[in-house]
Amino acid sequence: MKRPLALYFPPDLEYTRLMNKTLTLELTPYEQERLVDALNAEVIKWTLIKGEILLGKRPNGSLEGCDMILAEAEDLHARVKVQVSRLA
């Protein structure tokens, strides 16, 4: 049985061009877990990229840009994980 997973995205003070958005997905418990896993994989990917930048393996990589993307990925992962855990 699919249960609605509503995600609320509060305004980000740094990015005033964004508005409040709510995304509602009808997901089975399995799909919810896969969504959390996919977001976790994204966090891991950007953590590895940051490590490669620090080691000099990506000389054209931007550490500041990577940090920004990683922080956003971690935040989104955490918010979705909280919503999924509330439905469990």
PDB file of N, CA and C in Angstrom:
ATOM      1  N   MET A   1       0.841  -1.177   0.000  1.00  0.00           N
ATOM      2  CA  MET A   1       0.000   0.000   0.000  1.00  0.00           C
ATOM      3  C   MET A   1       0.885   1.240   0.000  1.00  0.00           C
ATOM      4  N   LYS A   2       0.604   2.150  -0.895  1.00  0.00           N
ATOM      5  CA  LYS A   2       1.400   3.363  -0.962  1.00  0.00           C
ATOM      6  C   LYS A   2       0.892   4.374   0.053  1.00  0.00           C
ATOM      7  N   ARG A   3       1.846   5.022   0.729  1.00  0.00           N
ATOM      8  CA  ARG A   3       1.509   6.054   1.698  1.00  0.00           C
ATOM      9  C   ARG A   3       2.089   7.366   1.205  1.00  0.00           C
ATOM     10  N   PRO A   4       1.388   8.474   1.421  1.00  0.00           N
ATOM     11  CA  PRO A   4       1.924   9.751   0.951  1.00  0.00           C
ATOM     12  C   PRO A   4       3.108  10.191   1.805  1.00  0.00           C
ATOM     13  N   LEU A   5       4.120  10.676   1.149  1.00  0.00           N
ATOM     14  CA  LEU A   5       5.293  11.214   1.805  1.00  0.00           C
ATOM     15  C   LEU A   5       5.362  12.671   1.402  1.00  0.00           C
ATOM     16  N   ALA A   6       5.019  13.570   2.314  1.00  0.00           N
ATOM     17  CA  ALA A   6       5.018  14.996   2.011  1.00  0.00           C
ATOM     18  C   ALA A   6       6.307  15.612   2.533  1.00  0.00           C
ATOM     19  N   LEU A   7       7.000  16.281   1.672  1.00  0.00           N
ATOM     20  CA  LEU A   7       8.250  16.931   2.041  1.00  0.00           C
ATOM     21  C   LEU A   7       8.061  18.436   1.983  1.00  0.00           C
ATOM     22  N   TYR A   8       8.351  19.115   3.064  1.00  0.00           N
ATOM     23  CA  TYR A   8       8.241  20.564   3.102  1.00  0.00           C
ATOM     24  C   TYR A   8       9.638  21.141   3.007  1.00  0.00           C
ATOM     25  N   PHE A   9       9.827  22.054   2.101  1.00  0.00           N
ATOM     26  CA  PHE A   9      11.115  22.694   1.907  1.00  0.00           C
ATOM     27  C   PHE A   9      11.017  24.128   2.396  1.00  0.00           C
ATOM     28  N   PRO A  10      11.504  24.415   3.620  1.00  0.00           N
ATOM     29  CA  PRO A  10      11.415  25.781   4.137  1.00  0.00           C
ATOM     30  C   PRO A  10      12.305  26.715   3.325  1.00  0.00           C
ATOM     31  N   PRO A  11      12.000  28.001   3.362  1.00  0.00           N
ATOM     32  CA  PRO A  11      12.817  28.941   2.584  1.00  0.00           C
ATOM     33  C   PRO A  11      14.243  28.971   3.102  1.00  0.00           C
ATOM     34  N   ASP A  12      15.166  29.071   2.195  1.00  0.00           N
ATOM     35  CA  ASP A  12      16.575  29.161   2.531  1.00  0.00           C
ATOM     36  C   ASP A  12      16.945  30.639   2.511  1.00  0.00           C
ATOM     37  N   LEU A  13      17.417  31.143   3.628  1.00  0.00           N
ATOM     38  CA  LEU A  13      17.717  32.563   3.713  1.00  0.00           C
ATOM     39  C   LEU A  13      18.807  32.988   2.743  1.00  0.00           C
ATOM     40  N   GLU A  14      19.714  32.073   2.394  1.00  0.00           N
ATOM     41  CA  GLU A  14      20.780  32.402   1.460  1.00  0.00           C
ATOM     42  C   GLU A  14      20.270  32.505   0.036  1.00  0.00           C
ATOM     43  N   TYR A  15      19.216  31.793  -0.276  1.00  0.00           N
ATOM     44  CA  TYR A  15      18.682  31.757  -1.632  1.00  0.00           C
ATOM     45  C   TYR A  15      17.248  32.275  -1.610  1.00  0.00           C
ATOM     46  N   THR A  16      17.108  33.578  -1.568  1.00  0.00           N
ATOM     47  CA  THR A  16      15.778  34.170  -1.424  1.00  0.00           C
ATOM     48  C   THR A  16      14.916  33.966  -2.660  1.00  0.00           C
ATOM     49  N   ARG A  17      15.522  33.564  -3.783  1.00  0.00           N
ATOM     50  CA  ARG A  17      14.743  33.359  -4.986  1.00  0.00           C
ATOM     51  C   ARG A  17      13.876  32.104  -4.887  1.00  0.00           C
ATOM     52  N   LEU A  18      14.187  31.213  -3.953  1.00  0.00           N
ATOM     53  CA  LEU A  18      13.405  29.995  -3.774  1.00  0.00           C
ATOM     54  C   LEU A  18      12.175  30.293  -2.934  1.00  0.00           C
ATOM     55  N   MET A  19      11.103  29.615  -3.251  1.00  0.00           N
ATOM     56  CA  MET A  19       9.870  29.774  -2.486  1.00  0.00           C
ATOM     57  C   MET A  19       9.603  28.480  -1.725  1.00  0.00           C
ATOM     58  N   ASN A  20       8.691  28.570  -0.762  1.00  0.00           N
ATOM     59  CA  ASN A  20       8.301  27.355  -0.038  1.00  0.00           C
ATOM     60  C   ASN A  20       7.695  26.379  -1.026  1.00  0.00           C
ATOM     61  N   LYS A  21       8.110  25.152  -0.944  1.00  0.00           N
ATOM     62  CA  LYS A  21       7.596  24.118  -1.838  1.00  0.00           C
ATOM     63  C   LYS A  21       7.274  22.886  -1.008  1.00  0.00           C
ATOM     64  N   THR A  22       6.189  22.245  -1.336  1.00  0.00           N
ATOM     65  CA  THR A  22       5.856  20.965  -0.739  1.00  0.00           C
ATOM     66  C   THR A  22       5.748  19.956  -1.871  1.00  0.00           C
ATOM     67  N   LEU A  23       6.417  18.860  -1.712  1.00  0.00           N
ATOM     68  CA  LEU A  23       6.406  17.793  -2.701  1.00  0.00           C
ATOM     69  C   LEU A  23       5.750  16.579  -2.054  1.00  0.00           C
ATOM     70  N   THR A  24       4.692  16.081  -2.654  1.00  0.00           N
ATOM     71  CA  THR A  24       4.014  14.905  -2.124  1.00  0.00           C
ATOM     72  C   THR A  24       4.207  13.749  -3.086  1.00  0.00           C
ATOM     73  N   LEU A  25       4.718  12.657  -2.578  1.00  0.00           N
ATOM     74  CA  LEU A  25       4.940  11.450  -3.369  1.00  0.00           C
ATOM     75  C   LEU A  25       4.150  10.311  -2.751  1.00  0.00           C
ATOM     76  N   GLU A  26       3.529   9.515  -3.593  1.00  0.00           N
ATOM     77  CA  GLU A  26       2.849   8.305  -3.127  1.00  0.00           C
ATOM     78  C   GLU A  26       3.840   7.161  -3.291  1.00  0.00           C
ATOM     79  N   LEU A  27       4.419   6.699  -2.181  1.00  0.00           N
ATOM     80  CA  LEU A  27       5.459   5.684  -2.224  1.00  0.00           C
ATOM     81  C   LEU A  27       5.127   4.517  -1.303  1.00  0.00           C
ATOM     82  N   THR A  28       5.505   3.334  -1.745  1.00  0.00           N
ATOM     83  CA  THR A  28       5.408   2.168  -0.866  1.00  0.00           C
ATOM     84  C   THR A  28       6.540   2.281   0.152  1.00  0.00           C
ATOM     85  N   PRO A  29       6.464   1.537   1.242  1.00  0.00           N
ATOM     86  CA  PRO A  29       7.577   1.554   2.201  1.00  0.00           C
ATOM     87  C   PRO A  29       8.912   1.190   1.534  1.00  0.00           C
ATOM     88  N   TYR A  30       8.871   0.256   0.597  1.00  0.00           N
ATOM     89  CA  TYR A  30      10.095  -0.125  -0.130  1.00  0.00           C
ATOM     90  C   TYR A  30      10.630   1.068  -0.921  1.00  0.00           C
ATOM     91  N   GLU A  31       9.743   1.761  -1.623  1.00  0.00           N
ATOM     92  CA  GLU A  31      10.165   2.927  -2.411  1.00  0.00           C
ATOM     93  C   GLU A  31      10.702   4.045  -1.519  1.00  0.00           C
ATOM     94  N   GLN A  32      10.116   4.199  -0.353  1.00  0.00           N
ATOM     95  CA  GLN A  32      10.604   5.209   0.588  1.00  0.00           C
ATOM     96  C   GLN A  32      12.038   4.902   1.004  1.00  0.00           C
ATOM     97  N   GLU A  33      12.300   3.645   1.301  1.00  0.00           N
ATOM     98  CA  GLU A  33      13.655   3.250   1.687  1.00  0.00           C
ATOM     99  C   GLU A  33      14.634   3.436   0.538  1.00  0.00           C
ATOM    100  N   ARG A  34      14.203   3.134  -0.678  1.00  0.00           N
ATOM    101  CA  ARG A  34      15.080   3.334  -1.845  1.00  0.00           C
ATOM    102  C   ARG A  34      15.384   4.814  -2.050  1.00  0.00           C
ATOM    103  N   LEU A  35      14.413   5.677  -1.791  1.00  0.00           N
ATOM    104  CA  LEU A  35      14.643   7.118  -1.894  1.00  0.00           C
ATOM    105  C   LEU A  35      15.691   7.567  -0.879  1.00  0.00           C
ATOM    106  N   VAL A  36      15.575   7.100   0.345  1.00  0.00           N
ATOM    107  CA  VAL A  36      16.565   7.436   1.376  1.00  0.00           C
ATOM    108  C   VAL A  36      17.937   6.897   0.979  1.00  0.00           C
ATOM    109  N   ASP A  37      17.971   5.672   0.457  1.00  0.00           N
ATOM    110  CA  ASP A  37      19.243   5.081   0.024  1.00  0.00           C
ATOM    111  C   ASP A  37      19.871   5.876  -1.118  1.00  0.00           C
ATOM    112  N   ALA A  38      19.046   6.326  -2.060  1.00  0.00           N
ATOM    113  CA  ALA A  38      19.564   7.099  -3.192  1.00  0.00           C
ATOM    114  C   ALA A  38      20.142   8.428  -2.735  1.00  0.00           C
ATOM    115  N   LEU A  39      19.477   9.067  -1.789  1.00  0.00           N
ATOM    116  CA  LEU A  39      20.002  10.331  -1.269  1.00  0.00           C
ATOM    117  C   LEU A  39      21.278  10.101  -0.467  1.00  0.00           C
ATOM    118  N   ASN A  40      21.346   8.987   0.245  1.00  0.00           N
ATOM    119  CA  ASN A  40      22.562   8.642   0.973  1.00  0.00           C
ATOM    120  C   ASN A  40      23.717   8.404  -0.002  1.00  0.00           C
ATOM    121  N   ALA A  41      23.431   7.746  -1.122  1.00  0.00           N
ATOM    122  CA  ALA A  41      24.459   7.513  -2.144  1.00  0.00           C
ATOM    123  C   ALA A  41      24.960   8.835  -2.719  1.00  0.00           C
ATOM    124  N   GLU A  42      24.067   9.802  -2.848  1.00  0.00           N
ATOM    125  CA  GLU A  42      24.463  11.130  -3.342  1.00  0.00           C
ATOM    126  C   GLU A  42      25.405  11.813  -2.346  1.00  0.00           C
ATOM    127  N   VAL A  43      25.112  11.689  -1.063  1.00  0.00           N
ATOM    128  CA  VAL A  43      25.986  12.260  -0.027  1.00  0.00           C
ATOM    129  C   VAL A  43      27.358  11.587  -0.091  1.00  0.00           C
ATOM    130  N   ILE A  44      27.379  10.276  -0.218  1.00  0.00           N
ATOM    131  CA  ILE A  44      28.644   9.536  -0.300  1.00  0.00           C
ATOM    132  C   ILE A  44      29.431   9.970  -1.528  1.00  0.00           C
ATOM    133  N   LYS A  45      28.749  10.118  -2.669  1.00  0.00           N
ATOM    134  CA  LYS A  45      29.418  10.535  -3.910  1.00  0.00           C
ATOM    135  C   LYS A  45      30.112  11.881  -3.726  1.00  0.00           C
ATOM    136  N   TRP A  46      29.407  12.858  -3.142  1.00  0.00           N
ATOM    137  CA  TRP A  46      30.004  14.184  -2.985  1.00  0.00           C
ATOM    138  C   TRP A  46      31.076  14.208  -1.901  1.00  0.00           C
ATOM    139  N   THR A  47      30.970  13.321  -0.926  1.00  0.00           N
ATOM    140  CA  THR A  47      32.034  13.197   0.074  1.00  0.00           C
ATOM    141  C   THR A  47      33.307  12.670  -0.580  1.00  0.00           C
ATOM    142  N   LEU A  48      33.154  11.691  -1.469  1.00  0.00           N
ATOM    143  CA  LEU A  48      34.316  11.153  -2.194  1.00  0.00           C
ATOM    144  C   LEU A  48      34.912  12.192  -3.139  1.00  0.00           C
ATOM    145  N   ILE A  49      34.055  12.948  -3.816  1.00  0.00           N
ATOM    146  CA  ILE A  49      34.549  14.006  -4.707  1.00  0.00           C
ATOM    147  C   ILE A  49      35.325  15.044  -3.903  1.00  0.00           C
ATOM    148  N   LYS A  50      34.819  15.409  -2.737  1.00  0.00           N
ATOM    149  CA  LYS A  50      35.528  16.375  -1.892  1.00  0.00           C
ATOM    150  C   LYS A  50      36.904  15.828  -1.507  1.00  0.00           C
ATOM    151  N   GLY A  51      36.967  14.542  -1.170  1.00  0.00           N
ATOM    152  CA  GLY A  51      38.251  13.923  -0.839  1.00  0.00           C
ATOM    153  C   GLY A  51      39.215  13.970  -2.009  1.00  0.00           C
ATOM    154  N   GLU A  52      38.700  13.729  -3.217  1.00  0.00           N
ATOM    155  CA  GLU A  52      39.546  13.783  -4.414  1.00  0.00           C
ATOM    156  C   GLU A  52      40.048  15.203  -4.672  1.00  0.00           C
ATOM    157  N   ILE A  53      39.205  16.187  -4.412  1.00  0.00           N
ATOM    158  CA  ILE A  53      39.643  17.585  -4.576  1.00  0.00           C
ATOM    159  C   ILE A  53      40.754  17.894  -3.585  1.00  0.00           C
ATOM    160  N   LEU A  54      40.568  17.473  -2.344  1.00  0.00           N
ATOM    161  CA  LEU A  54      41.579  17.735  -1.312  1.00  0.00           C
ATOM    162  C   LEU A  54      42.895  17.019  -1.591  1.00  0.00           C
ATOM    163  N   LEU A  55      42.814  15.850  -2.226  1.00  0.00           N
ATOM    164  CA  LEU A  55      44.025  15.097  -2.560  1.00  0.00           C
ATOM    165  C   LEU A  55      44.671  15.556  -3.864  1.00  0.00           C
ATOM    166  N   GLY A  56      44.032  16.481  -4.556  1.00  0.00           N
ATOM    167  CA  GLY A  56      44.583  16.991  -5.807  1.00  0.00           C
ATOM    168  C   GLY A  56      44.258  16.147  -7.023  1.00  0.00           C
ATOM    169  N   LYS A  57      43.380  15.163  -6.884  1.00  0.00           N
ATOM    170  CA  LYS A  57      43.012  14.314  -8.013  1.00  0.00           C
ATOM    171  C   LYS A  57      42.044  15.023  -8.965  1.00  0.00           C
ATOM    172  N   ARG A  58      41.444  16.096  -8.502  1.00  0.00           N
ATOM    173  CA  ARG A  58      40.548  16.917  -9.325  1.00  0.00           C
ATOM    174  C   ARG A  58      41.046  18.357  -9.262  1.00  0.00           C
ATOM    175  N   PRO A  59      42.097  18.653 -10.030  1.00  0.00           N
ATOM    176  CA  PRO A  59      42.713  19.978  -9.935  1.00  0.00           C
ATOM    177  C   PRO A  59      41.778  21.123 -10.327  1.00  0.00           C
ATOM    178  N   ASN A  60      40.799  20.860 -11.152  1.00  0.00           N
ATOM    179  CA  ASN A  60      39.863  21.915 -11.548  1.00  0.00           C
ATOM    180  C   ASN A  60      38.617  21.944 -10.677  1.00  0.00           C
ATOM    181  N   GLY A  61      38.570  21.081  -9.665  1.00  0.00           N
ATOM    182  CA  GLY A  61      37.402  21.015  -8.787  1.00  0.00           C
ATOM    183  C   GLY A  61      37.367  22.182  -7.818  1.00  0.00           C
ATOM    184  N   SER A  62      36.183  22.642  -7.535  1.00  0.00           N
ATOM    185  CA  SER A  62      35.993  23.747  -6.595  1.00  0.00           C
ATOM    186  C   SER A  62      35.604  23.177  -5.232  1.00  0.00           C
ATOM    187  N   LEU A  63      36.456  23.387  -4.254  1.00  0.00           N
ATOM    188  CA  LEU A  63      36.164  22.899  -2.909  1.00  0.00           C
ATOM    189  C   LEU A  63      34.931  23.600  -2.339  1.00  0.00           C
ATOM    190  N   GLU A  64      34.826  24.896  -2.592  1.00  0.00           N
ATOM    191  CA  GLU A  64      33.671  25.650  -2.085  1.00  0.00           C
ATOM    192  C   GLU A  64      32.375  25.148  -2.723  1.00  0.00           C
ATOM    193  N   GLY A  65      32.414  24.918  -4.031  1.00  0.00           N
ATOM    194  CA  GLY A  65      31.237  24.402  -4.720  1.00  0.00           C
ATOM    195  C   GLY A  65      30.864  23.016  -4.247  1.00  0.00           C
ATOM    196  N   CYS A  66      31.868  22.188  -4.051  1.00  0.00           N
ATOM    197  CA  CYS A  66      31.634  20.829  -3.566  1.00  0.00           C
ATOM    198  C   CYS A  66      31.039  20.862  -2.164  1.00  0.00           C
ATOM    199  N   ASP A  67      31.579  21.725  -1.317  1.00  0.00           N
ATOM    200  CA  ASP A  67      31.045  21.855   0.049  1.00  0.00           C
ATOM    201  C   ASP A  67      29.580  22.284   0.026  1.00  0.00           C
ATOM    202  N   MET A  68      29.234  23.192  -0.889  1.00  0.00           N
ATOM    203  CA  MET A  68      27.866  23.679  -0.993  1.00  0.00           C
ATOM    204  C   MET A  68      26.926  22.547  -1.420  1.00  0.00           C
ATOM    205  N   ILE A  69      27.322  21.812  -2.449  1.00  0.00           N
ATOM    206  CA  ILE A  69      26.488  20.704  -2.938  1.00  0.00           C
ATOM    207  C   ILE A  69      26.379  19.615  -1.884  1.00  0.00           C
ATOM    208  N   LEU A  70      27.490  19.307  -1.213  1.00  0.00           N
ATOM    209  CA  LEU A  70      27.484  18.282  -0.169  1.00  0.00           C
ATOM    210  C   LEU A  70      26.559  18.683   0.978  1.00  0.00           C
ATOM    211  N   ALA A  71      26.619  19.946   1.395  1.00  0.00           N
ATOM    212  CA  ALA A  71      25.753  20.408   2.489  1.00  0.00           C
ATOM    213  C   ALA A  71      24.282  20.300   2.098  1.00  0.00           C
ATOM    214  N   GLU A  72      23.958  20.655   0.864  1.00  0.00           N
ATOM    215  CA  GLU A  72      22.571  20.550   0.396  1.00  0.00           C
ATOM    216  C   GLU A  72      22.123  19.090   0.335  1.00  0.00           C
ATOM    217  N   ALA A  73      22.999  18.213  -0.136  1.00  0.00           N
ATOM    218  CA  ALA A  73      22.666  16.790  -0.217  1.00  0.00           C
ATOM    219  C   ALA A  73      22.457  16.208   1.182  1.00  0.00           C
ATOM    220  N   GLU A  74      23.327  16.574   2.118  1.00  0.00           N
ATOM    221  CA  GLU A  74      23.183  16.080   3.492  1.00  0.00           C
ATOM    222  C   GLU A  74      21.889  16.579   4.122  1.00  0.00           C
ATOM    223  N   ASP A  75      21.559  17.841   3.877  1.00  0.00           N
ATOM    224  CA  ASP A  75      20.341  18.414   4.442  1.00  0.00           C
ATOM    225  C   ASP A  75      19.099  17.729   3.873  1.00  0.00           C
ATOM    226  N   LEU A  76      19.062  17.549   2.561  1.00  0.00           N
ATOM    227  CA  LEU A  76      17.918  16.893   1.935  1.00  0.00           C
ATOM    228  C   LEU A  76      17.785  15.445   2.409  1.00  0.00           C
ATOM    229  N   HIS A  77      18.909  14.745   2.493  1.00  0.00           N
ATOM    230  CA  HIS A  77      18.896  13.361   2.991  1.00  0.00           C
ATOM    231  C   HIS A  77      18.325  13.305   4.397  1.00  0.00           C
ATOM    232  N   ALA A  78      18.768  14.210   5.261  1.00  0.00           N
ATOM    233  CA  ALA A  78      18.301  14.214   6.645  1.00  0.00           C
ATOM    234  C   ALA A  78      16.804  14.511   6.726  1.00  0.00           C
ATOM    235  N   ARG A  79      16.326  15.474   5.941  1.00  0.00           N
ATOM    236  CA  ARG A  79      14.906  15.828   5.986  1.00  0.00           C
ATOM    237  C   ARG A  79      14.024  14.695   5.464  1.00  0.00           C
ATOM    238  N   VAL A  80      14.434  14.058   4.390  1.00  0.00           N
ATOM    239  CA  VAL A  80      13.649  12.943   3.850  1.00  0.00           C
ATOM    240  C   VAL A  80      13.668  11.771   4.818  1.00  0.00           C
ATOM    241  N   LYS A  81      14.824  11.508   5.427  1.00  0.00           N
ATOM    242  CA  LYS A  81      14.921  10.404   6.377  1.00  0.00           C
ATOM    243  C   LYS A  81      13.991  10.612   7.563  1.00  0.00           C
ATOM    244  N   VAL A  82      13.875  11.848   8.039  1.00  0.00           N
ATOM    245  CA  VAL A  82      12.967  12.156   9.150  1.00  0.00           C
ATOM    246  C   VAL A  82      11.529  11.902   8.733  1.00  0.00           C
ATOM    247  N   GLN A  83      11.152  12.365   7.539  1.00  0.00           N
ATOM    248  CA  GLN A  83       9.780  12.159   7.063  1.00  0.00           C
ATOM    249  C   GLN A  83       9.463  10.676   6.925  1.00  0.00           C
ATOM    250  N   VAL A  84      10.390   9.919   6.368  1.00  0.00           N
ATOM    251  CA  VAL A  84      10.168   8.480   6.190  1.00  0.00           C
ATOM    252  C   VAL A  84      10.046   7.792   7.545  1.00  0.00           C
ATOM    253  N   SER A  85      10.881   8.182   8.504  1.00  0.00           N
ATOM    254  CA  SER A  85      10.821   7.539   9.825  1.00  0.00           C
ATOM    255  C   SER A  85       9.515   7.844  10.532  1.00  0.00           C
ATOM    256  N   ARG A  86       8.932   9.005  10.262  1.00  0.00           N
ATOM    257  CA  ARG A  86       7.637   9.350  10.878  1.00  0.00           C
ATOM    258  C   ARG A  86       6.517   8.462  10.349  1.00  0.00           C
ATOM    259  N   LEU A  87       6.658   8.001   9.120  1.00  0.00           N
ATOM    260  CA  LEU A  87       5.630   7.144   8.515  1.00  0.00           C
ATOM    261  C   LEU A  87       5.749   5.694   8.933  1.00  0.00           C
ATOM    262  N   ALA A  88       6.920   5.320   9.436  1.00  0.00           N
ATOM    263  CA  ALA A  88       7.160   3.907   9.774  1.00  0.00           C
ATOM    264  C   ALA A  88       6.352   3.476  10.982  1.00  0.00           C
TER     265      ALA A  88
END
